[in-house]
Amino acid sequence: MSYTAVFICPFDIFSCCFIYLLLFLQKYPQPKGQKKKKIVKYGMGGLIIFFLICIIWFPLLFISLVRSVVGVVNHPIDVTVTVKLGGYEPLFTMSVQQQSIKPFVQSDYENLTRTFGDNAVAMQFITLYSYEDVVTAMIEGSSGSVWRISPPSRQELIKELLDSPVDLTLRLAWTFQRDLGKGGTVEHTFDKHSIDLEPGSPVRSELASLLVGNRTKPARASHVPKLHPSPKRSREDESGYLNITLSLMSDKSLRNSGTQEWWDIAIADCEPASCGVLPMVIFNDKDHGAVRVRGPGHWKVRSWILQ
């Protein structure tokens, strides 16, 4: 568009307004040079300014109030799950995008409340959200990256699993990415859950056997929480936690590339049709624009791994 066209647009508006001004003066003639009363002059001018302000700002004010009271849900567009053992190369890394992140519907929310109707703590958490706030991320059970641990680190990990007198941490971490264009000020949120594997625990010996190569059955790890943030629990009160299995897979069919290894994770005792997917239910706190509700977990994403 040329500068001439830009000039013509406001000029046309001015011409149209001038014609209406002439018609108004013709219909309501006003003697020239006659002083108007201040109440008429300032009253009419004030009303015109007030109406202009209302026309411009009222829609913005209305939208701001609706946003502050109701809030805007900004679902994650990317979910990444990582499992690490100690300080070694991550065992499992998998990301899913929007096509694998499915919003809840009313029936899903009702099934959720029926399932936990007898659990007062869980219901207190769930009722903070409506079904529009909840999505399910379908995490593939096979790692999206090959496990590239060096032989010396592998031997050191086996030695630490079998002989170390200190706890070894199995850490489950997740990261969520949001679209800031839809609201909010934080693009990435993350959290983690750690499981301390004590010396002599069965899972340590099972993992070591997988690494050595004399075991084919998956290793079984306990105490992965269904709900996060979970209520403060003692070691004796982890009946609501899930067990997961870890399997070390390998493929020697690729030529000139050696053996490729990766880890599979599944919920223990799952149905065969659903073992290949880890469904993670994500609770999203609403964004309330400039008026922030400062509460626990504000603008954090809470996740819950379903069996």
Protein backbone atom coordinates (compact mmCIF):
# COMPACT_ATOMS: atom_id res chain seq x y z
CA MET A 1 0.00 0.00 0.00
CA SER A 2 1.40 3.43 -0.99
CA TYR A 3 1.63 6.45 1.29
CA THR A 4 -1.00 8.18 -0.89
CA ALA A 5 -3.50 5.41 -0.13
CA VAL A 6 -2.76 5.71 3.59
CA PHE A 7 -3.42 9.46 3.41
CA ILE A 8 -6.64 9.06 1.44
CA CYS A 9 -8.25 6.83 4.10
CA PRO A 10 -8.30 9.43 6.94
CA PHE A 11 -9.04 12.18 4.40
CA ASP A 12 -12.20 10.34 3.32
CA ILE A 13 -13.25 9.95 6.94
CA PHE A 14 -12.74 13.68 7.54
CA SER A 15 -14.77 14.53 4.44
CA CYS A 16 -17.64 12.33 5.58
CA CYS A 17 -17.63 13.83 9.08
CA PHE A 18 -17.55 17.37 7.66
CA ILE A 19 -20.66 16.69 5.57
CA TYR A 20 -22.51 15.43 8.65
CA LEU A 21 -21.36 18.53 10.54
CA LEU A 22 -22.86 20.79 7.86
CA LEU A 23 -26.14 18.87 7.92
CA PHE A 24 -26.25 19.19 11.71
CA LEU A 25 -25.64 22.95 11.57
CA GLN A 26 -28.32 23.31 8.90
CA LYS A 27 -30.86 21.48 11.03
CA TYR A 28 -29.84 23.12 14.32
CA PRO A 29 -28.49 26.55 13.41
CA GLN A 30 -26.27 28.30 15.93
CA PRO A 31 -25.57 32.05 15.70
CA LYS A 32 -21.89 32.79 15.17
CA GLY A 33 -19.94 34.39 17.95
CA GLN A 34 -22.55 33.66 20.61
CA LYS A 35 -20.98 32.53 23.82
CA LYS A 36 -22.28 29.23 25.15
CA LYS A 37 -22.93 28.56 28.78
CA LYS A 38 -20.17 26.72 30.61
CA ILE A 39 -22.52 23.97 31.73
CA VAL A 40 -23.42 23.28 28.10
CA LYS A 41 -19.87 23.61 26.82
CA TYR A 42 -18.10 21.50 29.41
CA GLY A 43 -21.02 19.15 29.94
CA MET A 44 -21.29 18.24 26.29
CA GLY A 45 -17.52 17.96 25.90
CA GLY A 46 -17.24 15.81 29.01
CA LEU A 47 -19.99 13.50 27.83
CA ILE A 48 -18.34 13.10 24.44
CA ILE A 49 -14.99 12.25 26.06
CA PHE A 50 -16.70 9.86 28.50
CA PHE A 51 -18.47 8.01 25.68
CA LEU A 52 -15.23 7.78 23.70
CA ILE A 53 -13.45 6.29 26.72
CA CYS A 54 -16.28 3.80 27.26
CA ILE A 55 -16.26 2.75 23.61
CA ILE A 56 -12.50 2.16 23.65
CA TRP A 57 -11.88 0.79 27.16
CA PHE A 58 -15.05 -1.05 28.11
CA PRO A 59 -14.36 -4.10 25.86
CA LEU A 60 -10.81 -4.28 27.21
CA LEU A 61 -12.05 -3.98 30.79
CA PHE A 62 -14.71 -6.64 30.22
CA ILE A 63 -12.19 -9.08 28.71
CA SER A 64 -9.77 -8.40 31.58
CA LEU A 65 -12.45 -9.08 34.21
CA VAL A 66 -13.53 -12.30 32.51
CA ARG A 67 -9.91 -13.43 32.26
CA SER A 68 -9.24 -12.58 35.92
CA VAL A 69 -12.30 -14.37 37.29
CA VAL A 70 -12.67 -17.32 34.93
CA GLY A 71 -9.05 -17.78 33.87
CA VAL A 72 -7.56 -19.14 30.67
CA VAL A 73 -6.35 -22.73 30.30
CA ASN A 74 -3.07 -23.16 28.46
CA HIS A 75 -2.46 -26.86 27.88
CA PRO A 76 1.10 -28.10 27.30
CA ILE A 77 2.22 -28.42 23.69
CA ASP A 78 5.19 -30.67 24.53
CA VAL A 79 5.75 -33.22 27.32
CA THR A 80 9.17 -34.77 27.95
CA VAL A 81 9.79 -37.60 30.43
CA THR A 82 13.30 -38.64 31.52
CA VAL A 83 14.48 -41.46 33.78
CA LYS A 84 18.02 -41.32 35.19
CA LEU A 85 19.96 -43.69 37.41
CA GLY A 86 22.43 -41.81 39.56
CA GLY A 87 24.64 -39.46 37.57
CA TYR A 88 24.91 -41.71 34.54
CA GLU A 89 23.54 -41.40 31.02
CA PRO A 90 19.69 -41.16 31.11
CA LEU A 91 18.04 -44.55 30.74
CA PHE A 92 14.87 -43.24 29.17
CA THR A 93 13.92 -40.06 27.31
CA MET A 94 10.66 -39.57 25.45
CA SER A 95 8.77 -36.52 24.18
CA VAL A 96 5.22 -36.20 22.89
CA GLN A 97 3.57 -33.27 21.14
CA GLN A 98 0.02 -32.02 20.73
CA GLN A 99 -1.25 -34.95 18.67
CA SER A 100 -0.49 -37.26 21.64
CA ILE A 101 -1.85 -34.85 24.29
CA LYS A 102 -5.59 -35.45 24.51
CA PRO A 103 -7.97 -33.13 26.41
CA PHE A 104 -10.32 -34.60 29.00
CA VAL A 105 -14.05 -34.75 28.31
CA GLN A 106 -16.85 -34.69 30.87
CA SER A 107 -17.15 -38.49 30.95
CA ASP A 108 -13.41 -38.88 31.64
CA TYR A 109 -13.67 -36.47 34.56
CA GLU A 110 -16.68 -38.30 35.97
CA ASN A 111 -14.84 -41.63 35.76
CA LEU A 112 -11.92 -40.03 37.56
CA THR A 113 -14.06 -38.78 40.42
CA ARG A 114 -15.84 -42.14 40.72
CA THR A 115 -12.52 -43.96 40.90
CA PHE A 116 -11.27 -41.80 43.78
CA GLY A 117 -14.60 -41.05 45.45
CA ASP A 118 -13.50 -42.80 48.66
CA ASN A 119 -10.14 -41.00 48.83
CA ALA A 120 -10.69 -37.65 50.54
CA VAL A 121 -7.18 -36.34 49.84
CA ALA A 122 -7.35 -37.20 46.14
CA MET A 123 -10.84 -35.71 45.78
CA GLN A 124 -9.73 -32.51 47.48
CA PHE A 125 -7.06 -32.19 44.80
CA ILE A 126 -9.20 -33.25 41.81
CA THR A 127 -12.12 -30.93 42.62
CA LEU A 128 -9.83 -27.91 42.30
CA TYR A 129 -10.00 -28.46 38.53
CA SER A 130 -12.69 -28.86 35.90
CA TYR A 131 -12.44 -31.26 32.99
CA GLU A 132 -11.25 -28.42 30.69
CA ASP A 133 -8.11 -28.11 32.86
CA VAL A 134 -7.05 -31.74 32.41
CA VAL A 135 -5.26 -33.50 29.55
CA THR A 136 -3.74 -36.96 29.09
CA ALA A 137 -0.26 -37.27 27.58
CA MET A 138 0.23 -40.68 25.97
CA ILE A 139 3.94 -41.40 26.57
CA GLU A 140 5.43 -44.16 24.45
CA GLY A 141 7.00 -46.87 26.60
CA SER A 142 10.11 -47.21 24.40
CA SER A 143 12.81 -44.59 24.80
CA GLY A 144 13.06 -42.15 21.94
CA SER A 145 16.86 -42.17 22.06
CA VAL A 146 19.50 -44.89 22.04
CA TRP A 147 21.33 -45.53 25.33
CA ARG A 148 24.89 -44.38 24.60
CA ILE A 149 26.80 -45.23 27.75
CA SER A 150 30.52 -45.86 27.42
CA PRO A 151 31.93 -49.28 28.43
CA PRO A 152 33.89 -47.87 31.42
CA SER A 153 30.79 -46.06 32.72
CA ARG A 154 28.75 -49.22 32.21
CA GLN A 155 31.18 -51.26 34.31
CA GLU A 156 31.24 -48.54 36.97
CA LEU A 157 27.42 -48.55 37.08
CA ILE A 158 27.34 -52.34 37.50
CA LYS A 159 29.90 -52.09 40.29
CA GLU A 160 27.93 -49.34 42.04
CA LEU A 161 24.68 -51.30 41.78
CA LEU A 162 26.20 -54.43 43.32
CA ASP A 163 28.84 -53.19 45.76
CA SER A 164 28.16 -49.56 46.73
CA PRO A 165 27.14 -49.12 50.41
CA VAL A 166 25.16 -45.93 49.71
CA ASP A 167 21.76 -45.36 48.16
CA LEU A 168 21.50 -45.01 44.38
CA THR A 169 18.81 -42.63 43.13
CA LEU A 170 16.39 -43.55 40.35
CA ARG A 171 14.93 -40.23 39.22
CA LEU A 172 11.78 -39.72 37.15
CA ALA A 173 11.60 -36.16 35.74
CA TRP A 174 9.11 -34.46 33.46
CA THR A 175 9.13 -31.13 31.61
CA PHE A 176 6.16 -29.32 30.09
CA GLN A 177 6.29 -26.61 27.44
CA ARG A 178 3.47 -24.12 26.89
CA ASP A 179 2.59 -21.60 24.20
CA LEU A 180 3.11 -18.17 25.78
CA GLY A 181 0.92 -16.65 23.08
CA LYS A 182 -2.10 -18.20 24.82
CA GLY A 183 -1.29 -16.71 28.22
CA GLY A 184 1.06 -17.12 31.13
CA THR A 185 4.62 -16.00 31.77
CA VAL A 186 6.44 -19.33 32.14
CA GLU A 187 7.17 -21.36 29.01
CA HIS A 188 8.75 -24.43 30.65
CA THR A 189 7.75 -26.08 33.93
CA PHE A 190 9.32 -29.19 35.37
CA ASP A 191 9.23 -31.50 38.36
CA LYS A 192 10.70 -34.82 39.44
CA HIS A 193 10.23 -37.79 41.73
CA SER A 194 13.18 -39.67 43.20
CA ILE A 195 13.33 -43.28 44.36
CA ASP A 196 16.24 -44.22 46.63
CA LEU A 197 17.49 -47.73 45.87
CA GLU A 198 19.01 -49.00 49.09
CA PRO A 199 22.06 -51.31 49.14
CA GLY A 200 21.00 -54.92 48.73
CA SER A 201 17.57 -54.08 47.30
CA PRO A 202 16.30 -56.54 44.65
CA VAL A 203 15.90 -53.88 41.98
CA ARG A 204 19.62 -53.05 42.14
CA SER A 205 20.64 -56.62 41.51
CA GLU A 206 18.02 -56.96 38.76
CA LEU A 207 19.32 -53.85 36.98
CA ALA A 208 22.89 -55.09 37.30
CA SER A 209 21.88 -58.44 35.78
CA LEU A 210 20.27 -56.62 32.85
CA LEU A 211 23.48 -54.69 32.26
CA VAL A 212 25.66 -57.80 32.49
CA GLY A 213 23.35 -59.62 30.08
CA ASN A 214 22.36 -62.66 32.14
CA ARG A 215 18.74 -61.55 32.70
CA THR A 216 15.89 -61.11 30.22
CA LYS A 217 12.99 -60.38 32.57
CA PRO A 218 12.32 -56.69 33.32
CA ALA A 219 13.52 -55.12 36.56
CA ARG A 220 10.73 -53.97 38.84
CA ALA A 221 10.89 -50.59 40.62
CA SER A 222 8.38 -49.55 43.29
CA HIS A 223 6.86 -46.36 44.67
CA VAL A 224 6.19 -44.29 41.56
CA PRO A 225 3.40 -41.90 42.66
CA LYS A 226 0.04 -41.81 40.95
CA LEU A 227 -0.45 -38.19 41.97
CA HIS A 228 2.02 -35.37 42.03
CA PRO A 229 2.43 -33.26 44.05
CA SER A 230 1.47 -36.10 46.34
CA PRO A 231 0.53 -35.67 50.01
CA LYS A 232 3.34 -36.14 52.50
CA ARG A 233 3.52 -39.86 53.06
CA SER A 234 5.60 -42.10 55.23
CA ARG A 235 7.36 -45.16 53.86
CA GLU A 236 4.61 -47.31 55.31
CA ASP A 237 1.91 -45.31 53.48
CA GLU A 238 2.85 -45.82 49.82
CA SER A 239 0.12 -48.28 48.92
CA GLY A 240 -1.24 -45.81 46.38
CA TYR A 241 2.03 -45.78 44.44
CA LEU A 242 2.62 -47.75 41.26
CA ASN A 243 5.28 -50.25 40.31
CA ILE A 244 7.08 -49.91 36.98
CA THR A 245 9.26 -52.30 35.02
CA LEU A 246 12.47 -51.44 33.19
CA SER A 247 13.74 -53.56 30.29
CA LEU A 248 17.04 -53.20 28.42
CA MET A 249 16.42 -53.86 24.73
CA SER A 250 19.05 -54.40 22.02
CA ASP A 251 19.23 -54.70 18.24
CA LYS A 252 22.19 -56.17 16.34
CA SER A 253 20.55 -56.13 12.92
CA LEU A 254 21.98 -52.74 11.91
CA ARG A 255 25.14 -53.19 9.86
CA ASN A 256 28.40 -51.44 10.74
CA SER A 257 26.84 -49.77 13.76
CA GLY A 258 27.32 -52.39 16.46
CA THR A 259 24.65 -53.21 19.00
CA GLN A 260 22.03 -50.52 19.62
CA GLU A 261 20.51 -50.49 23.12
CA TRP A 262 17.52 -48.66 24.56
CA TRP A 263 15.24 -48.96 27.57
CA ASP A 264 11.55 -49.78 27.73
CA ILE A 265 9.36 -48.72 30.66
CA ALA A 266 5.91 -50.07 31.48
CA ILE A 267 3.51 -50.06 34.40
CA ALA A 268 3.83 -53.37 36.22
CA ASP A 269 1.03 -55.91 35.74
CA CYS A 270 -0.57 -53.83 32.98
CA GLU A 271 -2.86 -55.27 30.35
CA PRO A 272 -0.99 -56.38 27.20
CA ALA A 273 -2.93 -53.97 25.00
CA SER A 274 -1.88 -50.93 27.07
CA CYS A 275 1.66 -51.83 28.15
CA GLY A 276 3.26 -49.89 25.30
CA VAL A 277 1.95 -46.53 26.56
CA LEU A 278 2.36 -44.62 29.82
CA PRO A 279 -0.72 -42.36 30.20
CA MET A 280 0.12 -39.24 32.20
CA VAL A 281 -2.81 -37.11 33.33
CA ILE A 282 -1.83 -33.44 33.60
CA PHE A 283 -3.71 -30.89 35.73
CA ASN A 284 -3.22 -27.31 34.48
CA ASP A 285 -3.68 -24.29 36.73
CA LYS A 286 -5.53 -21.48 34.97
CA ASP A 287 -3.84 -18.22 34.03
CA HIS A 288 -5.69 -15.22 35.51
CA GLY A 289 -3.91 -12.48 33.62
CA ALA A 290 -2.79 -9.46 35.62
CA VAL A 291 -4.76 -10.59 38.70
CA ARG A 292 -2.82 -13.59 40.01
CA VAL A 293 -4.24 -16.03 42.50
CA ARG A 294 -1.23 -16.82 44.65
CA GLY A 295 -1.79 -20.34 45.84
CA PRO A 296 0.19 -23.56 46.10
CA GLY A 297 1.31 -24.73 42.71
CA HIS A 298 0.30 -21.55 40.87
CA TRP A 299 1.11 -21.96 37.19
CA LYS A 300 2.58 -25.35 37.85
CA VAL A 301 1.51 -28.46 36.03
CA ARG A 302 0.57 -31.42 38.19
CA SER A 303 0.79 -34.86 36.74
CA TRP A 304 -0.63 -38.22 37.62
CA ILE A 305 0.44 -41.51 36.06
CA LEU A 306 -2.59 -43.76 35.65
CA GLN A 307 -2.56 -47.52 35.77
